[in-house]
């Protein structure tokens, strides 16, 4: 029951490559569905989680605010669902994310995109960890086409998202997102292409499983 994590620079095709791999081996892709499940378990709006997924502390600060005793003084209406004063919603959201990743990994037959999967599952030797990257010009073209942006806006978006993902992994896991020791494969999708990257991942998966190369 294969488990693959895909970490990626913004615009390097993480979701596209994950979809190709999943289609060829009849696997599930856990990407947006994971965000929805965390939102459900945390009882917070999906939009809040989706808007700042894989960002640094800003989302967690926002989630913590309604639970603060100061909220009442600021005129915020709320019923505290967690009467335990020791409850930390910031820690809870992170724990929920980790729990969901581990649960889907235990079930197997899954490609997990982002969400710190390589860090969360780093102690499982059966998981294949992949990092997708590409040069800036390639990623700008992808983002311009996908999000209907001009070159300058695409460049800003890439810079922002890469910085957020790097900060998120550093803050939460204390590891550099670009540390190659986290990954079994690092693939340049600008040079190899999305289809080629999917083929390399599947070949590595077969080799690890002992299938003929």
C-alpha atoms as a PDB file:
ATOM      1  CA  UNK A   1       0.000   0.000   0.000  1.00  0.00           C
ATOM      2  CA  UNK A   2       2.157   2.866  -1.257  1.00  0.00           C
ATOM      3  CA  UNK A   3       2.409   6.191   0.523  1.00  0.00           C
ATOM      4  CA  UNK A   4       4.033   9.171  -1.204  1.00  0.00           C
ATOM      5  CA  UNK A   5       4.538  12.677   0.121  1.00  0.00           C
ATOM      6  CA  UNK A   6       5.085  15.516  -2.328  1.00  0.00           C
ATOM      7  CA  UNK A   7       6.615  18.785  -1.163  1.00  0.00           C
ATOM      8  CA  UNK A   8       6.973  21.474  -3.794  1.00  0.00           C
ATOM      9  CA  UNK A   9       8.009  24.949  -4.706  1.00  0.00           C
ATOM     10  CA  UNK A  10       5.040  27.047  -5.715  1.00  0.00           C
ATOM     11  CA  UNK A  11       4.349  26.558  -9.416  1.00  0.00           C
ATOM     12  CA  UNK A  12       6.450  23.400  -9.704  1.00  0.00           C
ATOM     13  CA  UNK A  13       3.372  21.253 -10.303  1.00  0.00           C
ATOM     14  CA  UNK A  14       2.794  19.454  -7.023  1.00  0.00           C
ATOM     15  CA  UNK A  15      -0.915  18.856  -7.530  1.00  0.00           C
ATOM     16  CA  UNK A  16      -0.524  18.086 -11.239  1.00  0.00           C
ATOM     17  CA  UNK A  17       2.195  15.484 -10.666  1.00  0.00           C
ATOM     18  CA  UNK A  18       0.305  13.984  -7.730  1.00  0.00           C
ATOM     19  CA  UNK A  19      -2.771  13.574  -9.932  1.00  0.00           C
ATOM     20  CA  UNK A  20      -0.757  11.822 -12.665  1.00  0.00           C
ATOM     21  CA  UNK A  21       0.839   9.433 -10.164  1.00  0.00           C
ATOM     22  CA  UNK A  22      -2.512   8.696  -8.524  1.00  0.00           C
ATOM     23  CA  UNK A  23      -4.296   8.045 -11.811  1.00  0.00           C
ATOM     24  CA  UNK A  24      -1.678   5.553 -12.971  1.00  0.00           C
ATOM     25  CA  UNK A  25      -1.746   3.535  -9.742  1.00  0.00           C
ATOM     26  CA  UNK A  26      -5.318   4.111  -8.596  1.00  0.00           C
ATOM     27  CA  UNK A  27      -4.226   6.031  -5.507  1.00  0.00           C
ATOM     28  CA  UNK A  28      -6.007   8.757  -3.581  1.00  0.00           C
ATOM     29  CA  UNK A  29      -4.649  12.306  -3.542  1.00  0.00           C
ATOM     30  CA  UNK A  30      -4.832  14.084  -0.192  1.00  0.00           C
ATOM     31  CA  UNK A  31      -4.549  17.810  -0.780  1.00  0.00           C
ATOM     32  CA  UNK A  32      -7.634  19.991  -0.387  1.00  0.00           C
ATOM     33  CA  UNK A  33      -9.465  17.134   1.340  1.00  0.00           C
ATOM     34  CA  UNK A  34      -6.981  17.279   4.189  1.00  0.00           C
ATOM     35  CA  UNK A  35      -7.664  20.979   4.721  1.00  0.00           C
ATOM     36  CA  UNK A  36     -11.398  20.285   4.826  1.00  0.00           C
ATOM     37  CA  UNK A  37     -10.959  17.525   7.385  1.00  0.00           C
ATOM     38  CA  UNK A  38      -8.807  19.681   9.660  1.00  0.00           C
ATOM     39  CA  UNK A  39     -11.376  22.483   9.452  1.00  0.00           C
ATOM     40  CA  UNK A  40     -14.161  20.042  10.318  1.00  0.00           C
ATOM     41  CA  UNK A  41     -12.360  18.625  13.336  1.00  0.00           C
ATOM     42  CA  UNK A  42     -11.307  22.063  14.565  1.00  0.00           C
ATOM     43  CA  UNK A  43     -14.825  23.446  13.986  1.00  0.00           C
ATOM     44  CA  UNK A  44     -13.505  26.449  12.068  1.00  0.00           C
ATOM     45  CA  UNK A  45     -14.561  27.721   8.621  1.00  0.00           C
ATOM     46  CA  UNK A  46     -12.943  25.962   5.696  1.00  0.00           C
ATOM     47  CA  UNK A  47     -12.116  29.333   4.150  1.00  0.00           C
ATOM     48  CA  UNK A  48      -9.961  30.248   7.157  1.00  0.00           C
ATOM     49  CA  UNK A  49      -7.849  27.131   6.827  1.00  0.00           C
ATOM     50  CA  UNK A  50      -7.733  27.223   3.037  1.00  0.00           C
ATOM     51  CA  UNK A  51      -6.784  30.890   2.810  1.00  0.00           C
ATOM     52  CA  UNK A  52      -3.567  30.528   4.752  1.00  0.00           C
ATOM     53  CA  UNK A  53      -2.690  26.853   4.530  1.00  0.00           C
ATOM     54  CA  UNK A  54       1.046  26.210   4.952  1.00  0.00           C
ATOM     55  CA  UNK A  55       1.595  29.740   6.148  1.00  0.00           C
ATOM     56  CA  UNK A  56       3.502  30.633   9.255  1.00  0.00           C
ATOM     57  CA  UNK A  57       1.903  31.852  12.475  1.00  0.00           C
ATOM     58  CA  UNK A  58      -0.769  34.206  11.119  1.00  0.00           C
ATOM     59  CA  UNK A  59      -3.498  31.610  10.631  1.00  0.00           C
ATOM     60  CA  UNK A  60      -2.883  30.067  14.023  1.00  0.00           C
ATOM     61  CA  UNK A  61      -3.034  33.477  15.672  1.00  0.00           C
ATOM     62  CA  UNK A  62      -6.398  34.114  14.015  1.00  0.00           C
ATOM     63  CA  UNK A  63      -7.743  30.761  15.151  1.00  0.00           C
ATOM     64  CA  UNK A  64      -6.622  31.442  18.695  1.00  0.00           C
ATOM     65  CA  UNK A  65      -8.236  34.885  18.937  1.00  0.00           C
ATOM     66  CA  UNK A  66     -11.898  33.863  19.425  1.00  0.00           C
ATOM     67  CA  UNK A  67     -10.909  31.672  22.379  1.00  0.00           C
ATOM     68  CA  UNK A  68      -9.127  34.461  24.219  1.00  0.00           C
ATOM     69  CA  UNK A  69     -10.725  35.884  27.389  1.00  0.00           C
ATOM     70  CA  UNK A  70     -10.108  39.285  25.802  1.00  0.00           C
ATOM     71  CA  UNK A  71     -12.624  38.510  23.071  1.00  0.00           C
ATOM     72  CA  UNK A  72     -15.576  39.307  25.302  1.00  0.00           C
ATOM     73  CA  UNK A  73     -14.126  42.712  26.146  1.00  0.00           C
ATOM     74  CA  UNK A  74     -13.720  43.422  22.451  1.00  0.00           C
ATOM     75  CA  UNK A  75     -17.359  42.683  21.770  1.00  0.00           C
ATOM     76  CA  UNK A  76     -16.780  39.288  20.135  1.00  0.00           C
ATOM     77  CA  UNK A  77     -19.709  36.923  20.697  1.00  0.00           C
ATOM     78  CA  UNK A  78     -18.610  33.392  21.468  1.00  0.00           C
ATOM     79  CA  UNK A  79     -19.379  30.359  23.605  1.00  0.00           C
ATOM     80  CA  UNK A  80     -16.105  28.791  24.719  1.00  0.00           C
ATOM     81  CA  UNK A  81     -16.290  25.155  23.585  1.00  0.00           C
ATOM     82  CA  UNK A  82     -13.142  24.354  25.507  1.00  0.00           C
ATOM     83  CA  UNK A  83     -13.539  25.377  29.153  1.00  0.00           C
ATOM     84  CA  UNK A  84     -10.106  23.993  30.006  1.00  0.00           C
ATOM     85  CA  UNK A  85      -7.897  27.067  30.460  1.00  0.00           C
ATOM     86  CA  UNK A  86      -4.916  25.012  29.331  1.00  0.00           C
ATOM     87  CA  UNK A  87      -6.448  24.413  25.907  1.00  0.00           C
ATOM     88  CA  UNK A  88      -4.293  25.891  23.143  1.00  0.00           C
ATOM     89  CA  UNK A  89      -6.156  26.157  19.805  1.00  0.00           C
ATOM     90  CA  UNK A  90      -2.933  26.903  17.946  1.00  0.00           C
ATOM     91  CA  UNK A  91      -1.426  23.637  19.117  1.00  0.00           C
ATOM     92  CA  UNK A  92      -4.699  21.823  18.467  1.00  0.00           C
ATOM     93  CA  UNK A  93      -4.871  22.821  14.788  1.00  0.00           C
ATOM     94  CA  UNK A  94      -1.308  21.628  14.219  1.00  0.00           C
ATOM     95  CA  UNK A  95      -2.018  18.392  16.048  1.00  0.00           C
ATOM     96  CA  UNK A  96      -5.132  17.800  13.960  1.00  0.00           C
ATOM     97  CA  UNK A  97      -3.143  18.274  10.757  1.00  0.00           C
ATOM     98  CA  UNK A  98      -0.541  15.770  11.918  1.00  0.00           C
ATOM     99  CA  UNK A  99      -3.208  13.312  13.050  1.00  0.00           C
ATOM    100  CA  UNK A 100      -4.994  13.404   9.680  1.00  0.00           C
ATOM    101  CA  UNK A 101      -1.736  12.928   7.754  1.00  0.00           C
ATOM    102  CA  UNK A 102      -0.807   9.924   9.897  1.00  0.00           C
ATOM    103  CA  UNK A 103      -4.284   8.422   9.564  1.00  0.00           C
ATOM    104  CA  UNK A 104      -4.337   8.564   5.773  1.00  0.00           C
ATOM    105  CA  UNK A 105      -0.778   7.229   5.661  1.00  0.00           C
ATOM    106  CA  UNK A 106      -1.768   4.246   7.794  1.00  0.00           C
ATOM    107  CA  UNK A 107      -4.557   3.470   5.347  1.00  0.00           C
ATOM    108  CA  UNK A 108      -2.066   3.576   2.454  1.00  0.00           C
ATOM    109  CA  UNK A 109      -2.586   3.947  -1.297  1.00  0.00           C
ATOM    110  CA  UNK A 110      -2.235   7.703  -1.053  1.00  0.00           C
ATOM    111  CA  UNK A 111      -0.300  10.690  -2.344  1.00  0.00           C
ATOM    112  CA  UNK A 112      -0.057  13.442   0.274  1.00  0.00           C
ATOM    113  CA  UNK A 113       0.642  16.910  -1.113  1.00  0.00           C
ATOM    114  CA  UNK A 114       2.307  19.427   1.212  1.00  0.00           C
ATOM    115  CA  UNK A 115       1.126  19.924   4.816  1.00  0.00           C
ATOM    116  CA  UNK A 116       4.575  19.016   6.173  1.00  0.00           C
ATOM    117  CA  UNK A 117       4.092  15.383   5.178  1.00  0.00           C
ATOM    118  CA  UNK A 118       7.815  14.670   4.831  1.00  0.00           C
ATOM    119  CA  UNK A 119       8.382  15.879   8.383  1.00  0.00           C
ATOM    120  CA  UNK A 120       5.318  14.235   9.894  1.00  0.00           C
ATOM    121  CA  UNK A 121       6.117  10.838   8.361  1.00  0.00           C
ATOM    122  CA  UNK A 122       9.906  11.051   8.466  1.00  0.00           C
ATOM    123  CA  UNK A 123      10.168   8.055  10.824  1.00  0.00           C
ATOM    124  CA  UNK A 124       8.332   5.731   8.429  1.00  0.00           C
ATOM    125  CA  UNK A 125      10.877   4.048   6.135  1.00  0.00           C
ATOM    126  CA  UNK A 126       8.155   2.769   3.786  1.00  0.00           C
ATOM    127  CA  UNK A 127       7.072   6.275   2.710  1.00  0.00           C
ATOM    128  CA  UNK A 128       8.524   7.788  -0.471  1.00  0.00           C
ATOM    129  CA  UNK A 129       9.283  11.478   0.010  1.00  0.00           C
ATOM    130  CA  UNK A 130       9.513  13.683  -3.095  1.00  0.00           C
ATOM    131  CA  UNK A 131      10.437  17.335  -3.581  1.00  0.00           C
ATOM    132  CA  UNK A 132       9.489  19.113  -6.820  1.00  0.00           C
ATOM    133  CA  UNK A 133      11.312  22.236  -7.907  1.00  0.00           C
ATOM    134  CA  UNK A 134      11.907  24.275 -11.055  1.00  0.00           C
ATOM    135  CA  UNK A 135      13.591  27.487 -12.081  1.00  0.00           C
ATOM    136  CA  UNK A 136      11.799  30.774 -11.567  1.00  0.00           C
ATOM    137  CA  UNK A 137      10.985  31.405 -15.241  1.00  0.00           C
ATOM    138  CA  UNK A 138       9.236  28.036 -15.608  1.00  0.00           C
ATOM    139  CA  UNK A 139       7.224  28.516 -12.450  1.00  0.00           C
ATOM    140  CA  UNK A 140       6.238  32.035 -13.444  1.00  0.00           C
ATOM    141  CA  UNK A 141       4.821  30.698 -16.711  1.00  0.00           C
ATOM    142  CA  UNK A 142       2.835  28.052 -14.862  1.00  0.00           C
ATOM    143  CA  UNK A 143       1.432  30.525 -12.337  1.00  0.00           C
ATOM    144  CA  UNK A 144       0.659  33.145 -14.991  1.00  0.00           C
ATOM    145  CA  UNK A 145      -1.379  30.613 -16.949  1.00  0.00           C
ATOM    146  CA  UNK A 146      -3.052  28.986 -13.969  1.00  0.00           C
ATOM    147  CA  UNK A 147      -3.966  32.137 -12.045  1.00  0.00           C
ATOM    148  CA  UNK A 148      -4.300  34.559 -14.962  1.00  0.00           C
ATOM    149  CA  UNK A 149      -1.588  36.895 -13.634  1.00  0.00           C
ATOM    150  CA  UNK A 150       0.991  39.030 -15.341  1.00  0.00           C
ATOM    151  CA  UNK A 151       4.689  38.254 -14.917  1.00  0.00           C
ATOM    152  CA  UNK A 152       5.283  40.689 -12.073  1.00  0.00           C
ATOM    153  CA  UNK A 153       2.274  39.462 -10.084  1.00  0.00           C
ATOM    154  CA  UNK A 154       3.251  35.828 -10.659  1.00  0.00           C
ATOM    155  CA  UNK A 155       6.776  36.531  -9.417  1.00  0.00           C
ATOM    156  CA  UNK A 156       5.416  38.139  -6.248  1.00  0.00           C
ATOM    157  CA  UNK A 157       3.037  35.250  -5.660  1.00  0.00           C
ATOM    158  CA  UNK A 158       5.830  32.710  -6.014  1.00  0.00           C
ATOM    159  CA  UNK A 159       8.090  34.612  -3.636  1.00  0.00           C
ATOM    160  CA  UNK A 160       5.316  34.923  -1.063  1.00  0.00           C
ATOM    161  CA  UNK A 161       4.203  31.297  -1.185  1.00  0.00           C
ATOM    162  CA  UNK A 162       7.713  29.845  -1.098  1.00  0.00           C
ATOM    163  CA  UNK A 163       8.588  32.077   1.865  1.00  0.00           C
ATOM    164  CA  UNK A 164       5.413  31.027   3.673  1.00  0.00           C
ATOM    165  CA  UNK A 165       6.045  27.329   3.165  1.00  0.00           C
ATOM    166  CA  UNK A 166       9.647  27.614   4.255  1.00  0.00           C
ATOM    167  CA  UNK A 167       8.679  29.587   7.378  1.00  0.00           C
ATOM    168  CA  UNK A 168       5.864  27.157   8.202  1.00  0.00           C
ATOM    169  CA  UNK A 169       8.172  24.129   8.137  1.00  0.00           C
ATOM    170  CA  UNK A 170      10.851  25.952  10.101  1.00  0.00           C
ATOM    171  CA  UNK A 171       8.453  27.183  12.782  1.00  0.00           C
ATOM    172  CA  UNK A 172       6.546  23.960  13.183  1.00  0.00           C
ATOM    173  CA  UNK A 173       9.192  21.289  12.594  1.00  0.00           C
ATOM    174  CA  UNK A 174      12.482  23.131  13.016  1.00  0.00           C
ATOM    175  CA  UNK A 175      13.699  21.900   9.637  1.00  0.00           C
ATOM    176  CA  UNK A 176      14.725  23.705   6.490  1.00  0.00           C
ATOM    177  CA  UNK A 177      12.117  22.988   3.824  1.00  0.00           C
ATOM    178  CA  UNK A 178      14.934  22.741   1.230  1.00  0.00           C
ATOM    179  CA  UNK A 179      17.032  20.262   3.249  1.00  0.00           C
ATOM    180  CA  UNK A 180      17.568  17.442   0.736  1.00  0.00           C
ATOM    181  CA  UNK A 181      17.922  14.926   3.562  1.00  0.00           C
ATOM    182  CA  UNK A 182      14.148  15.097   4.017  1.00  0.00           C
ATOM    183  CA  UNK A 183      13.526  13.593   0.579  1.00  0.00           C
ATOM    184  CA  UNK A 184      14.215  10.438  -1.396  1.00  0.00           C
ATOM    185  CA  UNK A 185      13.828  12.239  -4.713  1.00  0.00           C
ATOM    186  CA  UNK A 186      14.266  15.851  -5.832  1.00  0.00           C
ATOM    187  CA  UNK A 187      12.918  16.393  -9.346  1.00  0.00           C
ATOM    188  CA  UNK A 188      13.242  19.468 -11.556  1.00  0.00           C
ATOM    189  CA  UNK A 189       9.856  19.588 -13.259  1.00  0.00           C
ATOM    190  CA  UNK A 190      11.004  22.424 -15.492  1.00  0.00           C
ATOM    191  CA  UNK A 191      13.559  20.099 -17.086  1.00  0.00           C
ATOM    192  CA  UNK A 192      11.746  16.760 -16.746  1.00  0.00           C
ATOM    193  CA  UNK A 193       8.117  17.846 -17.143  1.00  0.00           C
ATOM    194  CA  UNK A 194       5.128  16.788 -15.077  1.00  0.00           C
ATOM    195  CA  UNK A 195       4.633  13.523 -16.948  1.00  0.00           C
ATOM    196  CA  UNK A 196       8.313  12.678 -16.655  1.00  0.00           C
ATOM    197  CA  UNK A 197       8.304  13.472 -12.952  1.00  0.00           C
ATOM    198  CA  UNK A 198       5.352  11.129 -12.418  1.00  0.00           C
ATOM    199  CA  UNK A 199       7.242   8.386 -14.252  1.00  0.00           C
ATOM    200  CA  UNK A 200      10.330   8.835 -12.078  1.00  0.00           C
ATOM    201  CA  UNK A 201       8.240   8.670  -8.910  1.00  0.00           C
ATOM    202  CA  UNK A 202       6.517   5.478 -10.035  1.00  0.00           C
ATOM    203  CA  UNK A 203       9.837   3.893 -11.020  1.00  0.00           C
ATOM    204  CA  UNK A 204      11.249   4.690  -7.588  1.00  0.00           C
ATOM    205  CA  UNK A 205       8.128   3.296  -5.964  1.00  0.00           C
ATOM    206  CA  UNK A 206       8.488   0.048  -7.899  1.00  0.00           C
ATOM    207  CA  UNK A 207      12.175  -0.237  -7.077  1.00  0.00           C
ATOM    208  CA  UNK A 208      11.488   0.273  -3.391  1.00  0.00           C
ATOM    209  CA  UNK A 209       8.748  -2.385  -3.513  1.00  0.00           C
ATOM    210  CA  UNK A 210      11.142  -4.836  -5.169  1.00  0.00           C
ATOM    211  CA  UNK A 211       9.361  -4.794  -8.516  1.00  0.00           C
ATOM    212  CA  UNK A 212      11.440  -5.192 -11.690  1.00  0.00           C
ATOM    213  CA  UNK A 213      12.996  -1.907 -12.794  1.00  0.00           C
END
